[in-house]
N, C-alpha and C. Protein backbone atom coordinates (compact mmCIF):
# COMPACT_ATOMS: atom_id res chain seq x y z
N MET A 1 91.95 115.62 92.50
CA MET A 1 93.38 115.31 92.59
C MET A 1 94.07 116.35 93.47
N LYS A 2 94.96 115.87 94.29
CA LYS A 2 95.71 116.78 95.15
C LYS A 2 96.68 117.61 94.34
N ASN A 3 96.97 118.77 94.86
CA ASN A 3 98.00 119.60 94.27
C ASN A 3 99.32 118.85 94.38
N PRO A 4 100.06 118.65 93.28
CA PRO A 4 101.30 117.88 93.35
C PRO A 4 102.39 118.56 94.15
N VAL A 5 102.27 119.83 94.40
CA VAL A 5 103.25 120.53 95.22
C VAL A 5 102.52 121.04 96.46
N SER A 6 102.92 120.53 97.61
CA SER A 6 102.28 120.99 98.83
C SER A 6 103.32 121.17 99.92
N ARG A 7 103.04 122.06 100.83
CA ARG A 7 103.96 122.32 101.94
C ARG A 7 103.40 121.69 103.19
N VAL A 8 104.30 121.07 103.95
CA VAL A 8 103.90 120.47 105.22
C VAL A 8 104.88 120.91 106.28
N GLU A 9 104.45 120.91 107.51
CA GLU A 9 105.36 121.22 108.61
C GLU A 9 106.37 120.10 108.72
N ASN A 10 107.61 120.44 108.95
CA ASN A 10 108.67 119.44 108.99
C ASN A 10 108.92 118.98 110.42
N PRO A 11 108.77 117.68 110.69
CA PRO A 11 109.00 117.18 112.04
C PRO A 11 110.48 117.00 112.39
N VAL A 12 111.37 117.16 111.42
CA VAL A 12 112.79 116.97 111.69
C VAL A 12 113.36 118.28 112.22
N SER A 13 113.81 118.27 113.45
CA SER A 13 114.19 119.51 114.13
C SER A 13 115.37 120.23 113.50
N ARG A 14 116.24 119.53 112.79
CA ARG A 14 117.41 120.17 112.21
C ARG A 14 117.09 120.95 110.94
N VAL A 15 115.92 120.77 110.41
CA VAL A 15 115.54 121.42 109.17
C VAL A 15 114.76 122.68 109.49
N GLU A 16 115.25 123.80 108.97
CA GLU A 16 114.64 125.09 109.29
C GLU A 16 113.48 125.44 108.37
N ASN A 17 113.51 124.98 107.14
CA ASN A 17 112.49 125.35 106.16
C ASN A 17 111.46 124.24 106.00
N PRO A 18 110.26 124.61 105.59
CA PRO A 18 109.25 123.57 105.34
C PRO A 18 109.66 122.69 104.16
N VAL A 19 109.19 121.47 104.20
CA VAL A 19 109.47 120.51 103.14
C VAL A 19 108.44 120.67 102.03
N VAL A 20 108.90 120.57 100.80
CA VAL A 20 108.02 120.66 99.63
C VAL A 20 108.00 119.29 98.97
N PHE A 21 106.78 118.80 98.67
CA PHE A 21 106.61 117.55 97.96
C PHE A 21 106.26 117.86 96.51
N VAL A 22 106.99 117.24 95.57
CA VAL A 22 106.76 117.48 94.15
C VAL A 22 106.64 116.14 93.43
N ARG A 23 105.54 115.98 92.71
CA ARG A 23 105.41 114.80 91.89
C ARG A 23 106.40 114.93 90.73
N GLN A 24 107.10 113.85 90.43
CA GLN A 24 108.22 113.93 89.49
C GLN A 24 107.85 114.51 88.12
N ASP A 25 106.69 114.20 87.61
CA ASP A 25 106.36 114.71 86.27
C ASP A 25 106.06 116.21 86.27
N HIS A 26 106.06 116.83 87.44
CA HIS A 26 105.87 118.28 87.55
C HIS A 26 107.20 119.00 87.78
N SER A 27 108.30 118.30 87.54
CA SER A 27 109.62 118.86 87.82
C SER A 27 110.53 118.78 86.59
N LYS A 28 111.09 119.90 86.20
CA LYS A 28 112.06 119.91 85.11
C LYS A 28 113.29 119.09 85.48
N LEU A 29 113.74 119.20 86.74
CA LEU A 29 114.89 118.43 87.20
C LEU A 29 114.64 116.93 87.01
N CYS A 30 113.48 116.46 87.43
CA CYS A 30 113.17 115.04 87.30
C CYS A 30 113.09 114.60 85.85
N ARG A 31 112.46 115.40 85.01
CA ARG A 31 112.38 115.02 83.60
C ARG A 31 113.76 114.95 82.97
N PHE A 32 114.68 115.79 83.41
CA PHE A 32 116.07 115.71 82.95
C PHE A 32 116.72 114.44 83.48
N LEU A 33 116.52 114.14 84.77
CA LEU A 33 117.11 112.94 85.37
C LEU A 33 116.56 111.66 84.76
N TRP A 34 115.32 111.68 84.32
CA TRP A 34 114.73 110.50 83.68
C TRP A 34 115.54 110.08 82.47
N ARG A 35 116.08 111.06 81.76
CA ARG A 35 116.90 110.74 80.58
C ARG A 35 118.21 110.07 80.97
N LEU A 36 118.78 110.50 82.08
CA LEU A 36 120.06 109.94 82.53
C LEU A 36 119.89 108.61 83.25
N THR A 37 118.86 108.54 84.08
CA THR A 37 118.62 107.36 84.92
C THR A 37 117.13 107.06 84.91
N PRO A 38 116.66 106.31 83.94
CA PRO A 38 115.21 106.05 83.85
C PRO A 38 114.62 105.42 85.11
N SER A 39 115.40 104.65 85.85
CA SER A 39 114.87 103.97 87.04
C SER A 39 114.47 104.95 88.15
N ILE A 40 114.94 106.18 88.06
CA ILE A 40 114.58 107.17 89.10
C ILE A 40 113.08 107.48 89.07
N ARG A 41 112.43 107.20 87.96
CA ARG A 41 110.99 107.42 87.85
C ARG A 41 110.21 106.65 88.91
N GLU A 42 110.78 105.54 89.36
CA GLU A 42 110.09 104.66 90.30
C GLU A 42 110.53 104.87 91.74
N ARG A 43 111.37 105.84 91.99
CA ARG A 43 111.92 106.05 93.33
C ARG A 43 111.59 107.43 93.88
N TRP A 44 111.46 107.49 95.16
CA TRP A 44 111.40 108.76 95.87
C TRP A 44 112.84 109.23 96.02
N PHE A 45 113.07 110.52 96.00
CA PHE A 45 114.39 111.04 96.33
C PHE A 45 114.26 112.46 96.84
N THR A 46 115.31 112.92 97.46
CA THR A 46 115.31 114.22 98.13
C THR A 46 116.46 115.06 97.62
N PHE A 47 116.20 116.33 97.43
CA PHE A 47 117.26 117.29 97.16
C PHE A 47 116.91 118.55 97.93
N GLY A 48 117.73 118.88 98.89
CA GLY A 48 117.45 120.02 99.75
C GLY A 48 116.23 119.75 100.60
N THR A 49 115.27 120.66 100.55
CA THR A 49 114.03 120.47 101.30
C THR A 49 112.88 120.04 100.39
N THR A 50 113.23 119.54 99.21
CA THR A 50 112.22 119.05 98.27
C THR A 50 112.29 117.53 98.20
N ILE A 51 111.14 116.91 98.38
CA ILE A 51 111.01 115.46 98.25
C ILE A 51 110.23 115.20 96.96
N TYR A 52 110.88 114.47 96.05
CA TYR A 52 110.27 114.13 94.77
C TYR A 52 109.70 112.71 94.86
N TYR A 53 108.47 112.54 94.41
CA TYR A 53 107.86 111.22 94.48
C TYR A 53 107.38 110.78 93.10
N PRO A 54 107.35 109.46 92.88
CA PRO A 54 106.93 108.94 91.58
C PRO A 54 105.48 109.28 91.25
N ILE A 55 105.16 109.27 89.99
CA ILE A 55 103.82 109.62 89.51
C ILE A 55 102.75 108.76 90.18
N TYR A 56 103.01 107.48 90.30
CA TYR A 56 102.02 106.54 90.82
C TYR A 56 101.95 106.51 92.35
N ALA A 57 102.89 107.13 93.03
CA ALA A 57 103.03 106.99 94.48
C ALA A 57 102.00 107.81 95.24
N ASN A 58 101.71 107.35 96.43
CA ASN A 58 100.86 108.08 97.35
C ASN A 58 101.75 109.07 98.11
N PRO A 59 101.57 110.36 97.90
CA PRO A 59 102.45 111.33 98.58
C PRO A 59 102.20 111.42 100.08
N ASP A 60 101.22 110.67 100.58
CA ASP A 60 100.94 110.66 102.02
C ASP A 60 101.50 109.42 102.71
N ASN A 61 102.38 108.68 102.05
CA ASN A 61 102.95 107.45 102.62
C ASN A 61 103.94 107.84 103.72
N GLN A 62 103.49 107.80 104.97
CA GLN A 62 104.28 108.33 106.08
C GLN A 62 105.59 107.58 106.28
N LYS A 63 105.62 106.27 106.02
CA LYS A 63 106.87 105.52 106.19
C LYS A 63 107.93 106.00 105.22
N VAL A 64 107.55 106.23 103.99
CA VAL A 64 108.50 106.72 103.00
C VAL A 64 108.89 108.17 103.32
N ILE A 65 107.92 108.96 103.73
CA ILE A 65 108.22 110.35 104.10
C ILE A 65 109.21 110.39 105.27
N ASP A 66 109.03 109.53 106.27
CA ASP A 66 109.97 109.48 107.40
C ASP A 66 111.39 109.19 106.92
N HIS A 67 111.51 108.27 105.97
CA HIS A 67 112.82 107.93 105.39
C HIS A 67 113.41 109.16 104.70
N GLU A 68 112.62 109.79 103.86
CA GLU A 68 113.12 110.94 103.10
C GLU A 68 113.43 112.15 103.99
N LEU A 69 112.69 112.30 105.07
CA LEU A 69 112.97 113.42 105.99
C LEU A 69 114.35 113.29 106.64
N VAL A 70 114.83 112.07 106.78
CA VAL A 70 116.20 111.89 107.26
C VAL A 70 117.16 112.54 106.28
N HIS A 71 116.93 112.36 104.99
CA HIS A 71 117.80 112.96 103.97
C HIS A 71 117.66 114.48 103.93
N VAL A 72 116.47 114.98 104.18
CA VAL A 72 116.29 116.44 104.26
C VAL A 72 117.15 116.99 105.40
N ALA A 73 117.11 116.32 106.54
CA ALA A 73 117.92 116.77 107.69
C ALA A 73 119.41 116.65 107.38
N GLN A 74 119.81 115.58 106.71
CA GLN A 74 121.22 115.41 106.35
C GLN A 74 121.66 116.51 105.39
N PHE A 75 120.84 116.81 104.42
CA PHE A 75 121.16 117.87 103.46
C PHE A 75 121.34 119.20 104.19
N SER A 76 120.45 119.45 105.14
CA SER A 76 120.53 120.67 105.92
C SER A 76 121.81 120.70 106.77
N ARG A 77 122.14 119.57 107.32
CA ARG A 77 123.31 119.49 108.20
C ARG A 77 124.63 119.58 107.43
N TYR A 78 124.74 118.84 106.33
CA TYR A 78 126.02 118.75 105.61
C TYR A 78 126.16 119.75 104.47
N GLY A 79 125.05 120.30 104.00
CA GLY A 79 125.10 121.23 102.88
C GLY A 79 125.14 120.48 101.55
N LYS A 80 124.89 121.23 100.49
CA LYS A 80 124.80 120.64 99.16
C LYS A 80 126.09 119.93 98.75
N PHE A 81 127.23 120.58 98.95
CA PHE A 81 128.49 120.02 98.48
C PHE A 81 128.78 118.67 99.13
N LEU A 82 128.77 118.61 100.47
CA LEU A 82 129.08 117.35 101.15
C LEU A 82 128.04 116.27 100.89
N PHE A 83 126.77 116.66 100.88
CA PHE A 83 125.72 115.68 100.62
C PHE A 83 125.94 115.03 99.26
N LEU A 84 126.15 115.83 98.22
CA LEU A 84 126.36 115.28 96.88
C LEU A 84 127.67 114.51 96.79
N LEU A 85 128.69 114.98 97.48
CA LEU A 85 129.96 114.24 97.52
C LEU A 85 129.75 112.86 98.14
N PHE A 86 129.09 112.81 99.30
CA PHE A 86 128.81 111.52 99.95
C PHE A 86 128.00 110.60 99.04
N TYR A 87 126.97 111.15 98.42
CA TYR A 87 126.03 110.30 97.72
C TYR A 87 126.51 109.85 96.34
N PHE A 88 127.17 110.72 95.60
CA PHE A 88 127.53 110.38 94.22
C PHE A 88 129.01 110.17 93.98
N ILE A 89 129.85 110.90 94.66
CA ILE A 89 131.28 110.81 94.39
C ILE A 89 131.94 109.73 95.23
N LEU A 90 131.42 109.47 96.40
CA LEU A 90 132.03 108.47 97.27
C LEU A 90 131.15 107.23 97.48
N PRO A 91 130.60 106.66 96.42
CA PRO A 91 129.82 105.44 96.64
C PRO A 91 130.70 104.19 96.62
N LEU A 92 131.86 104.29 97.27
CA LEU A 92 132.79 103.16 97.30
C LEU A 92 132.14 101.99 98.03
N PRO A 93 132.52 100.77 97.69
CA PRO A 93 131.80 99.62 98.22
C PRO A 93 132.08 99.26 99.68
N ILE A 94 133.04 99.85 100.32
CA ILE A 94 133.30 99.45 101.70
C ILE A 94 133.95 100.59 102.49
N PHE A 95 133.59 100.69 103.72
CA PHE A 95 134.15 101.61 104.72
C PHE A 95 134.05 103.10 104.40
N PHE A 96 134.41 103.52 103.21
CA PHE A 96 134.38 104.93 102.89
C PHE A 96 133.12 105.32 102.12
N SER A 97 132.15 104.44 102.10
CA SER A 97 130.96 104.67 101.29
C SER A 97 130.11 105.80 101.86
N GLY A 98 130.08 106.90 101.13
CA GLY A 98 129.23 108.01 101.54
C GLY A 98 127.76 107.67 101.45
N ARG A 99 127.41 106.86 100.45
CA ARG A 99 126.02 106.46 100.30
C ARG A 99 125.56 105.65 101.51
N TRP A 100 126.40 104.74 101.98
CA TRP A 100 126.08 103.96 103.19
C TRP A 100 125.93 104.88 104.39
N PHE A 101 126.81 105.85 104.49
CA PHE A 101 126.76 106.81 105.59
C PHE A 101 125.42 107.54 105.64
N LEU A 102 124.90 107.91 104.47
CA LEU A 102 123.62 108.63 104.41
C LEU A 102 122.42 107.69 104.52
N GLU A 103 122.46 106.58 103.82
CA GLU A 103 121.29 105.70 103.78
C GLU A 103 121.07 104.91 105.06
N ARG A 104 122.13 104.60 105.78
CA ARG A 104 121.93 103.76 106.98
C ARG A 104 121.03 104.45 108.01
N ALA A 105 121.14 105.76 108.17
CA ALA A 105 120.29 106.47 109.12
C ALA A 105 118.83 106.42 108.67
N ALA A 106 118.60 106.57 107.36
CA ALA A 106 117.24 106.52 106.84
C ALA A 106 116.66 105.11 106.96
N PHE A 107 117.48 104.10 106.71
CA PHE A 107 116.98 102.72 106.83
C PHE A 107 116.79 102.32 108.29
N MET A 108 117.47 102.95 109.22
CA MET A 108 117.18 102.69 110.64
C MET A 108 115.75 103.14 110.96
N ILE A 109 115.33 104.25 110.37
CA ILE A 109 113.94 104.70 110.55
C ILE A 109 112.99 103.66 109.95
N ASP A 110 113.34 103.14 108.77
CA ASP A 110 112.50 102.11 108.14
C ASP A 110 112.38 100.88 109.04
N ILE A 111 113.48 100.47 109.63
CA ILE A 111 113.48 99.31 110.52
C ILE A 111 112.62 99.59 111.75
N LYS A 112 112.74 100.78 112.30
CA LYS A 112 111.89 101.14 113.45
C LYS A 112 110.42 101.21 113.06
N ASN A 113 110.14 101.47 111.77
CA ASN A 113 108.76 101.50 111.27
C ASN A 113 108.27 100.12 110.82
N GLY A 114 109.06 99.07 111.07
CA GLY A 114 108.59 97.72 110.81
C GLY A 114 109.30 96.94 109.71
N MET A 115 110.20 97.55 108.98
CA MET A 115 110.94 96.82 107.95
C MET A 115 111.92 95.86 108.63
N SER A 116 112.09 94.69 108.10
CA SER A 116 113.07 93.75 108.67
C SER A 116 114.48 94.19 108.29
N VAL A 117 115.43 93.80 109.11
CA VAL A 117 116.84 94.09 108.81
C VAL A 117 117.22 93.42 107.49
N GLU A 118 116.75 92.19 107.29
CA GLU A 118 117.07 91.46 106.06
C GLU A 118 116.57 92.20 104.83
N ASN A 119 115.36 92.75 104.90
CA ASN A 119 114.81 93.48 103.77
C ASN A 119 115.57 94.79 103.54
N ALA A 120 115.93 95.48 104.60
CA ALA A 120 116.72 96.72 104.47
C ALA A 120 118.05 96.43 103.78
N VAL A 121 118.72 95.36 104.21
CA VAL A 121 120.01 94.99 103.61
C VAL A 121 119.83 94.60 102.15
N ARG A 122 118.77 93.86 101.85
CA ARG A 122 118.51 93.45 100.47
C ARG A 122 118.29 94.67 99.58
N ILE A 123 117.49 95.62 100.04
CA ILE A 123 117.24 96.83 99.25
C ILE A 123 118.53 97.62 99.05
N LEU A 124 119.29 97.79 100.11
CA LEU A 124 120.56 98.52 99.99
C LEU A 124 121.50 97.83 99.01
N ALA A 125 121.58 96.51 99.10
CA ALA A 125 122.49 95.77 98.22
C ALA A 125 122.02 95.81 96.77
N ASP A 126 120.71 95.67 96.56
CA ASP A 126 120.19 95.58 95.19
C ASP A 126 119.99 96.93 94.52
N GLN A 127 119.60 97.94 95.27
CA GLN A 127 119.23 99.22 94.66
C GLN A 127 120.23 100.34 94.92
N TYR A 128 121.19 100.11 95.79
CA TYR A 128 122.16 101.17 96.11
C TYR A 128 123.58 100.72 95.85
N ALA A 129 123.75 99.80 94.91
CA ALA A 129 125.08 99.36 94.46
C ALA A 129 125.92 98.79 95.61
N THR A 130 125.30 98.04 96.49
CA THR A 130 125.97 97.40 97.62
C THR A 130 126.95 98.36 98.29
N PRO A 131 126.44 99.31 99.04
CA PRO A 131 127.32 100.30 99.65
C PRO A 131 128.27 99.72 100.69
N TRP A 132 127.93 98.58 101.25
CA TRP A 132 128.79 97.84 102.18
C TRP A 132 128.51 96.37 101.93
N PRO A 133 129.39 95.48 102.32
CA PRO A 133 129.07 94.05 102.21
C PRO A 133 127.83 93.72 103.05
N ARG A 134 127.01 92.81 102.55
CA ARG A 134 125.75 92.46 103.21
C ARG A 134 125.95 92.06 104.67
N ARG A 135 126.95 91.25 104.91
CA ARG A 135 127.19 90.78 106.29
C ARG A 135 127.48 91.94 107.23
N LEU A 136 128.28 92.89 106.78
CA LEU A 136 128.60 94.04 107.63
C LEU A 136 127.40 94.96 107.83
N MET A 137 126.58 95.12 106.78
CA MET A 137 125.37 95.93 106.93
C MET A 137 124.42 95.28 107.93
N THR A 138 124.26 93.97 107.82
CA THR A 138 123.38 93.25 108.75
C THR A 138 123.86 93.42 110.18
N LYS A 139 125.15 93.24 110.41
CA LYS A 139 125.70 93.40 111.77
C LYS A 139 125.48 94.82 112.29
N TRP A 140 125.70 95.81 111.44
CA TRP A 140 125.55 97.20 111.86
C TRP A 140 124.11 97.46 112.30
N PHE A 141 123.15 97.04 111.50
CA PHE A 141 121.73 97.26 111.83
C PHE A 141 121.32 96.49 113.08
N LEU A 142 121.75 95.24 113.18
CA LEU A 142 121.34 94.43 114.35
C LEU A 142 121.89 95.01 115.65
N ARG A 143 123.05 95.59 115.62
CA ARG A 143 123.61 96.21 116.82
C ARG A 143 122.81 97.45 117.26
N ARG A 144 122.16 98.09 116.31
CA ARG A 144 121.47 99.34 116.62
C ARG A 144 119.95 99.24 116.64
N ALA A 145 119.42 98.13 116.14
CA ALA A 145 117.95 97.99 116.05
C ALA A 145 117.34 97.70 117.41
């Protein structure tokens, strides 16, 4: 079995520190979050330069890592306060959605890695509390894809 915590060189130029991968069951933070949001057990997420992955996940999944590295770069760029403000305090459903602001860049990477625009919009609508109306998300991605 691989070591659940490993360091890799970070390909995102804005990030100065190496990225750390941590399997969720090896993290006190994750075990605490499981109590608040049980569904997080099934999701990858990023905080700072640490990428947390689900117990069952392959930590070498490059497509998911590419998505999460966008969030590592955003965290580095905006800092803890703004990143958390965008993601949790401003998840408004239209125009001012901080979550949409952060996730759209990561989902553009997913689209470039082969995900369809329709699937990206479906995931954002179903799993991210519809950060923007579906029609507007689709238009935004199609203009940039």
